């Protein structure tokens, strides 16, 4: 099974997911920076990194969806659907979080709580994505099945008899 959207043979979706992951985690770090210091610059940075993470997630979603549509293996497709649904929920919650931060006089506890829940959900989603890549091999190039002779030759090359 292989990914559909690549650049020079490298899958694009795993490259792009680093944007929302890093920005949303840093947004949460900035929230705590604000809590501990009271410095408004932390809150402003949290706001903008949260918004950047939303844009990055939408950007990463396009090749991710195209890759999912190309999956034909039932277990991989099922896990991919869980990954998709969880990510859509995370983006929706983070969009709400972003909007709540624009409201004047809103308690700052709610947005921070949303960020904590969203980052926890990102851990689960990342685990699902990692399972797709590292266990089910969805980003591996497809090769024709080995003939018995090729398999034997490869085995002998990897495990020479001494």
C-alpha atoms as a PDB file:
ATOM      1  CA  UNK A   1       0.000   0.000   0.000  1.00  0.00           C
ATOM      2  CA  UNK A   2       1.387   3.421  -0.823  1.00  0.00           C
ATOM      3  CA  UNK A   3       0.498   7.053  -0.452  1.00  0.00           C
ATOM      4  CA  UNK A   4      -0.996   8.884  -3.410  1.00  0.00           C
ATOM      5  CA  UNK A   5       0.334  12.387  -2.810  1.00  0.00           C
ATOM      6  CA  UNK A   6       4.121  12.618  -2.929  1.00  0.00           C
ATOM      7  CA  UNK A   7       6.988  14.873  -3.919  1.00  0.00           C
ATOM      8  CA  UNK A   8       9.993  13.023  -5.310  1.00  0.00           C
ATOM      9  CA  UNK A   9       8.626   9.818  -3.784  1.00  0.00           C
ATOM     10  CA  UNK A  10       8.174  11.337  -0.306  1.00  0.00           C
ATOM     11  CA  UNK A  11       4.660  11.521   1.182  1.00  0.00           C
ATOM     12  CA  UNK A  12       3.435  15.090   1.675  1.00  0.00           C
ATOM     13  CA  UNK A  13       0.879  14.590   4.470  1.00  0.00           C
ATOM     14  CA  UNK A  14       3.433  13.526   7.132  1.00  0.00           C
ATOM     15  CA  UNK A  15       5.559  16.540   6.204  1.00  0.00           C
ATOM     16  CA  UNK A  16       2.685  18.983   6.596  1.00  0.00           C
ATOM     17  CA  UNK A  17       1.273  17.677   9.875  1.00  0.00           C
ATOM     18  CA  UNK A  18       4.324  19.024  11.675  1.00  0.00           C
ATOM     19  CA  UNK A  19       2.911  22.546  11.202  1.00  0.00           C
ATOM     20  CA  UNK A  20      -0.315  22.195  13.223  1.00  0.00           C
ATOM     21  CA  UNK A  21       1.295  19.850  15.743  1.00  0.00           C
ATOM     22  CA  UNK A  22       4.125  22.234  16.518  1.00  0.00           C
ATOM     23  CA  UNK A  23       1.997  25.362  16.464  1.00  0.00           C
ATOM     24  CA  UNK A  24      -0.761  23.956  18.682  1.00  0.00           C
ATOM     25  CA  UNK A  25       1.689  22.541  21.218  1.00  0.00           C
ATOM     26  CA  UNK A  26       3.556  25.851  21.269  1.00  0.00           C
ATOM     27  CA  UNK A  27       0.248  27.701  21.666  1.00  0.00           C
ATOM     28  CA  UNK A  28      -0.409  25.636  24.797  1.00  0.00           C
ATOM     29  CA  UNK A  29       3.123  26.356  26.059  1.00  0.00           C
ATOM     30  CA  UNK A  30       2.460  30.069  25.509  1.00  0.00           C
ATOM     31  CA  UNK A  31      -0.800  29.798  27.451  1.00  0.00           C
ATOM     32  CA  UNK A  32       1.147  28.493  30.423  1.00  0.00           C
ATOM     33  CA  UNK A  33       3.772  31.193  29.878  1.00  0.00           C
ATOM     34  CA  UNK A  34       0.969  33.730  30.269  1.00  0.00           C
ATOM     35  CA  UNK A  35      -0.415  31.998  33.368  1.00  0.00           C
ATOM     36  CA  UNK A  36       2.975  31.984  35.089  1.00  0.00           C
ATOM     37  CA  UNK A  37       4.150  35.468  34.081  1.00  0.00           C
ATOM     38  CA  UNK A  38       1.000  37.480  33.365  1.00  0.00           C
ATOM     39  CA  UNK A  39       2.823  38.908  30.334  1.00  0.00           C
ATOM     40  CA  UNK A  40       0.256  39.609  27.587  1.00  0.00           C
ATOM     41  CA  UNK A  41       2.805  38.788  24.877  1.00  0.00           C
ATOM     42  CA  UNK A  42       2.442  35.113  25.776  1.00  0.00           C
ATOM     43  CA  UNK A  43      -1.340  35.294  25.287  1.00  0.00           C
ATOM     44  CA  UNK A  44      -0.937  37.094  21.950  1.00  0.00           C
ATOM     45  CA  UNK A  45       1.576  34.532  20.750  1.00  0.00           C
ATOM     46  CA  UNK A  46      -0.731  31.714  21.845  1.00  0.00           C
ATOM     47  CA  UNK A  47      -3.545  33.292  19.836  1.00  0.00           C
ATOM     48  CA  UNK A  48      -1.541  33.605  16.636  1.00  0.00           C
ATOM     49  CA  UNK A  49       0.073  30.166  16.871  1.00  0.00           C
ATOM     50  CA  UNK A  50      -3.375  28.687  17.446  1.00  0.00           C
ATOM     51  CA  UNK A  51      -4.622  30.345  14.248  1.00  0.00           C
ATOM     52  CA  UNK A  52      -1.517  29.245  12.339  1.00  0.00           C
ATOM     53  CA  UNK A  53      -2.103  25.685  13.511  1.00  0.00           C
ATOM     54  CA  UNK A  54      -5.640  25.771  12.137  1.00  0.00           C
ATOM     55  CA  UNK A  55      -4.357  26.919   8.741  1.00  0.00           C
ATOM     56  CA  UNK A  56      -1.616  24.291   8.813  1.00  0.00           C
ATOM     57  CA  UNK A  57      -4.137  21.569   9.662  1.00  0.00           C
ATOM     58  CA  UNK A  58      -6.355  22.551   6.755  1.00  0.00           C
ATOM     59  CA  UNK A  59      -3.322  22.479   4.479  1.00  0.00           C
ATOM     60  CA  UNK A  60      -2.272  19.016   5.728  1.00  0.00           C
ATOM     61  CA  UNK A  61      -5.834  17.711   5.412  1.00  0.00           C
ATOM     62  CA  UNK A  62      -5.879  17.879   1.610  1.00  0.00           C
ATOM     63  CA  UNK A  63      -3.122  15.320   0.898  1.00  0.00           C
ATOM     64  CA  UNK A  64      -4.261  13.298   3.921  1.00  0.00           C
ATOM     65  CA  UNK A  65      -7.767  12.979   2.487  1.00  0.00           C
ATOM     66  CA  UNK A  66      -6.423  12.070  -0.945  1.00  0.00           C
ATOM     67  CA  UNK A  67      -4.225   9.405   0.640  1.00  0.00           C
ATOM     68  CA  UNK A  68      -7.206   8.027   2.557  1.00  0.00           C
ATOM     69  CA  UNK A  69      -9.304   7.838  -0.604  1.00  0.00           C
ATOM     70  CA  UNK A  70      -6.543   5.736  -2.180  1.00  0.00           C
ATOM     71  CA  UNK A  71      -6.468   3.162   0.635  1.00  0.00           C
ATOM     72  CA  UNK A  72      -7.964  -0.181  -0.260  1.00  0.00           C
ATOM     73  CA  UNK A  73      -6.801  -2.239   2.725  1.00  0.00           C
ATOM     74  CA  UNK A  74      -9.782  -2.503   5.118  1.00  0.00           C
ATOM     75  CA  UNK A  75      -7.867  -2.224   8.446  1.00  0.00           C
ATOM     76  CA  UNK A  76      -5.824   0.728   7.185  1.00  0.00           C
ATOM     77  CA  UNK A  77      -8.914   2.441   5.805  1.00  0.00           C
ATOM     78  CA  UNK A  78     -10.768   1.978   9.124  1.00  0.00           C
ATOM     79  CA  UNK A  79      -7.882   3.427  11.148  1.00  0.00           C
ATOM     80  CA  UNK A  80      -7.526   6.198   8.566  1.00  0.00           C
ATOM     81  CA  UNK A  81     -11.195   7.079   9.061  1.00  0.00           C
ATOM     82  CA  UNK A  82     -10.723   7.259  12.848  1.00  0.00           C
ATOM     83  CA  UNK A  83      -7.683   9.476  12.249  1.00  0.00           C
ATOM     84  CA  UNK A  84      -9.710  11.704   9.902  1.00  0.00           C
ATOM     85  CA  UNK A  85     -12.726  12.055  12.196  1.00  0.00           C
ATOM     86  CA  UNK A  86     -10.549  12.813  15.205  1.00  0.00           C
ATOM     87  CA  UNK A  87      -8.587  15.423  13.261  1.00  0.00           C
ATOM     88  CA  UNK A  88     -11.733  17.112  11.954  1.00  0.00           C
ATOM     89  CA  UNK A  89     -13.005  17.282  15.537  1.00  0.00           C
ATOM     90  CA  UNK A  90      -9.683  18.736  16.725  1.00  0.00           C
ATOM     91  CA  UNK A  91      -9.720  21.420  14.016  1.00  0.00           C
ATOM     92  CA  UNK A  92     -13.342  22.310  14.863  1.00  0.00           C
ATOM     93  CA  UNK A  93     -12.522  22.565  18.576  1.00  0.00           C
ATOM     94  CA  UNK A  94      -9.423  24.640  17.872  1.00  0.00           C
ATOM     95  CA  UNK A  95     -11.454  26.951  15.601  1.00  0.00           C
ATOM     96  CA  UNK A  96     -13.906  27.418  18.481  1.00  0.00           C
ATOM     97  CA  UNK A  97     -10.939  28.014  20.782  1.00  0.00           C
ATOM     98  CA  UNK A  98      -9.594  30.668  18.387  1.00  0.00           C
ATOM     99  CA  UNK A  99     -12.996  32.374  18.184  1.00  0.00           C
ATOM    100  CA  UNK A 100     -13.449  32.326  21.967  1.00  0.00           C
ATOM    101  CA  UNK A 101     -10.125  34.112  22.384  1.00  0.00           C
ATOM    102  CA  UNK A 102     -11.411  37.017  20.275  1.00  0.00           C
ATOM    103  CA  UNK A 103     -14.328  37.659  22.655  1.00  0.00           C
ATOM    104  CA  UNK A 104     -13.759  40.483  25.143  1.00  0.00           C
ATOM    105  CA  UNK A 105     -14.099  39.656  28.811  1.00  0.00           C
ATOM    106  CA  UNK A 106     -14.147  35.898  28.296  1.00  0.00           C
ATOM    107  CA  UNK A 107     -12.630  33.814  31.043  1.00  0.00           C
ATOM    108  CA  UNK A 108      -9.200  32.656  29.929  1.00  0.00           C
ATOM    109  CA  UNK A 109      -9.631  29.324  31.664  1.00  0.00           C
ATOM    110  CA  UNK A 110     -11.952  27.884  28.984  1.00  0.00           C
ATOM    111  CA  UNK A 111      -9.601  28.430  26.013  1.00  0.00           C
ATOM    112  CA  UNK A 112      -6.664  26.951  27.951  1.00  0.00           C
ATOM    113  CA  UNK A 113      -8.786  23.933  28.877  1.00  0.00           C
ATOM    114  CA  UNK A 114      -9.771  23.497  25.242  1.00  0.00           C
ATOM    115  CA  UNK A 115      -6.101  23.646  24.238  1.00  0.00           C
ATOM    116  CA  UNK A 116      -5.199  20.951  26.764  1.00  0.00           C
ATOM    117  CA  UNK A 117      -7.953  18.653  25.486  1.00  0.00           C
ATOM    118  CA  UNK A 118      -7.020  19.353  21.852  1.00  0.00           C
ATOM    119  CA  UNK A 119      -3.337  18.562  22.417  1.00  0.00           C
ATOM    120  CA  UNK A 120      -4.292  15.353  24.250  1.00  0.00           C
ATOM    121  CA  UNK A 121      -6.468  14.396  21.258  1.00  0.00           C
ATOM    122  CA  UNK A 122      -3.520  15.205  18.964  1.00  0.00           C
ATOM    123  CA  UNK A 123      -1.483  12.593  20.800  1.00  0.00           C
ATOM    124  CA  UNK A 124      -4.127   9.976  20.059  1.00  0.00           C
ATOM    125  CA  UNK A 125      -4.448  11.109  16.449  1.00  0.00           C
ATOM    126  CA  UNK A 126      -0.675  11.068  16.020  1.00  0.00           C
ATOM    127  CA  UNK A 127      -0.577   7.539  17.393  1.00  0.00           C
ATOM    128  CA  UNK A 128      -3.182   6.475  14.820  1.00  0.00           C
ATOM    129  CA  UNK A 129      -1.220   8.167  12.029  1.00  0.00           C
ATOM    130  CA  UNK A 130       1.981   6.523  13.234  1.00  0.00           C
ATOM    131  CA  UNK A 131       0.231   3.152  13.274  1.00  0.00           C
ATOM    132  CA  UNK A 132      -0.804   3.685   9.654  1.00  0.00           C
ATOM    133  CA  UNK A 133       2.756   4.533   8.630  1.00  0.00           C
ATOM    134  CA  UNK A 134       4.939   2.324  10.804  1.00  0.00           C
ATOM    135  CA  UNK A 135       2.763  -0.751  11.348  1.00  0.00           C
ATOM    136  CA  UNK A 136       0.567  -0.877   8.265  1.00  0.00           C
ATOM    137  CA  UNK A 137       3.129   0.738   5.928  1.00  0.00           C
ATOM    138  CA  UNK A 138       0.757   3.079   4.098  1.00  0.00           C
ATOM    139  CA  UNK A 139       3.587   5.321   2.892  1.00  0.00           C
ATOM    140  CA  UNK A 140       5.713   2.508   1.555  1.00  0.00           C
ATOM    141  CA  UNK A 141       6.117   2.258  -2.225  1.00  0.00           C
ATOM    142  CA  UNK A 142       4.220  -0.612  -3.738  1.00  0.00           C
ATOM    143  CA  UNK A 143       6.314  -3.361  -5.252  1.00  0.00           C
ATOM    144  CA  UNK A 144       5.316  -6.355  -7.234  1.00  0.00           C
ATOM    145  CA  UNK A 145       5.100  -9.466  -5.051  1.00  0.00           C
ATOM    146  CA  UNK A 146       8.344 -11.393  -4.801  1.00  0.00           C
ATOM    147  CA  UNK A 147       8.634 -14.686  -6.571  1.00  0.00           C
ATOM    148  CA  UNK A 148       9.772 -17.607  -4.405  1.00  0.00           C
ATOM    149  CA  UNK A 149      13.205 -17.433  -6.072  1.00  0.00           C
ATOM    150  CA  UNK A 150      13.577 -13.726  -5.262  1.00  0.00           C
ATOM    151  CA  UNK A 151      12.511 -14.305  -1.671  1.00  0.00           C
ATOM    152  CA  UNK A 152      15.030 -17.112  -1.265  1.00  0.00           C
ATOM    153  CA  UNK A 153      17.819 -15.007  -2.820  1.00  0.00           C
ATOM    154  CA  UNK A 154      17.000 -12.098  -0.511  1.00  0.00           C
ATOM    155  CA  UNK A 155      16.933 -14.423   2.530  1.00  0.00           C
ATOM    156  CA  UNK A 156      20.274 -15.958   1.591  1.00  0.00           C
ATOM    157  CA  UNK A 157      21.815 -12.528   1.082  1.00  0.00           C
ATOM    158  CA  UNK A 158      20.562 -11.287   4.474  1.00  0.00           C
ATOM    159  CA  UNK A 159      21.345 -14.528   6.348  1.00  0.00           C
ATOM    160  CA  UNK A 160      24.469 -16.108   4.808  1.00  0.00           C
ATOM    161  CA  UNK A 161      25.370 -19.550   6.003  1.00  0.00           C
ATOM    162  CA  UNK A 162      28.751 -19.776   7.652  1.00  0.00           C
END
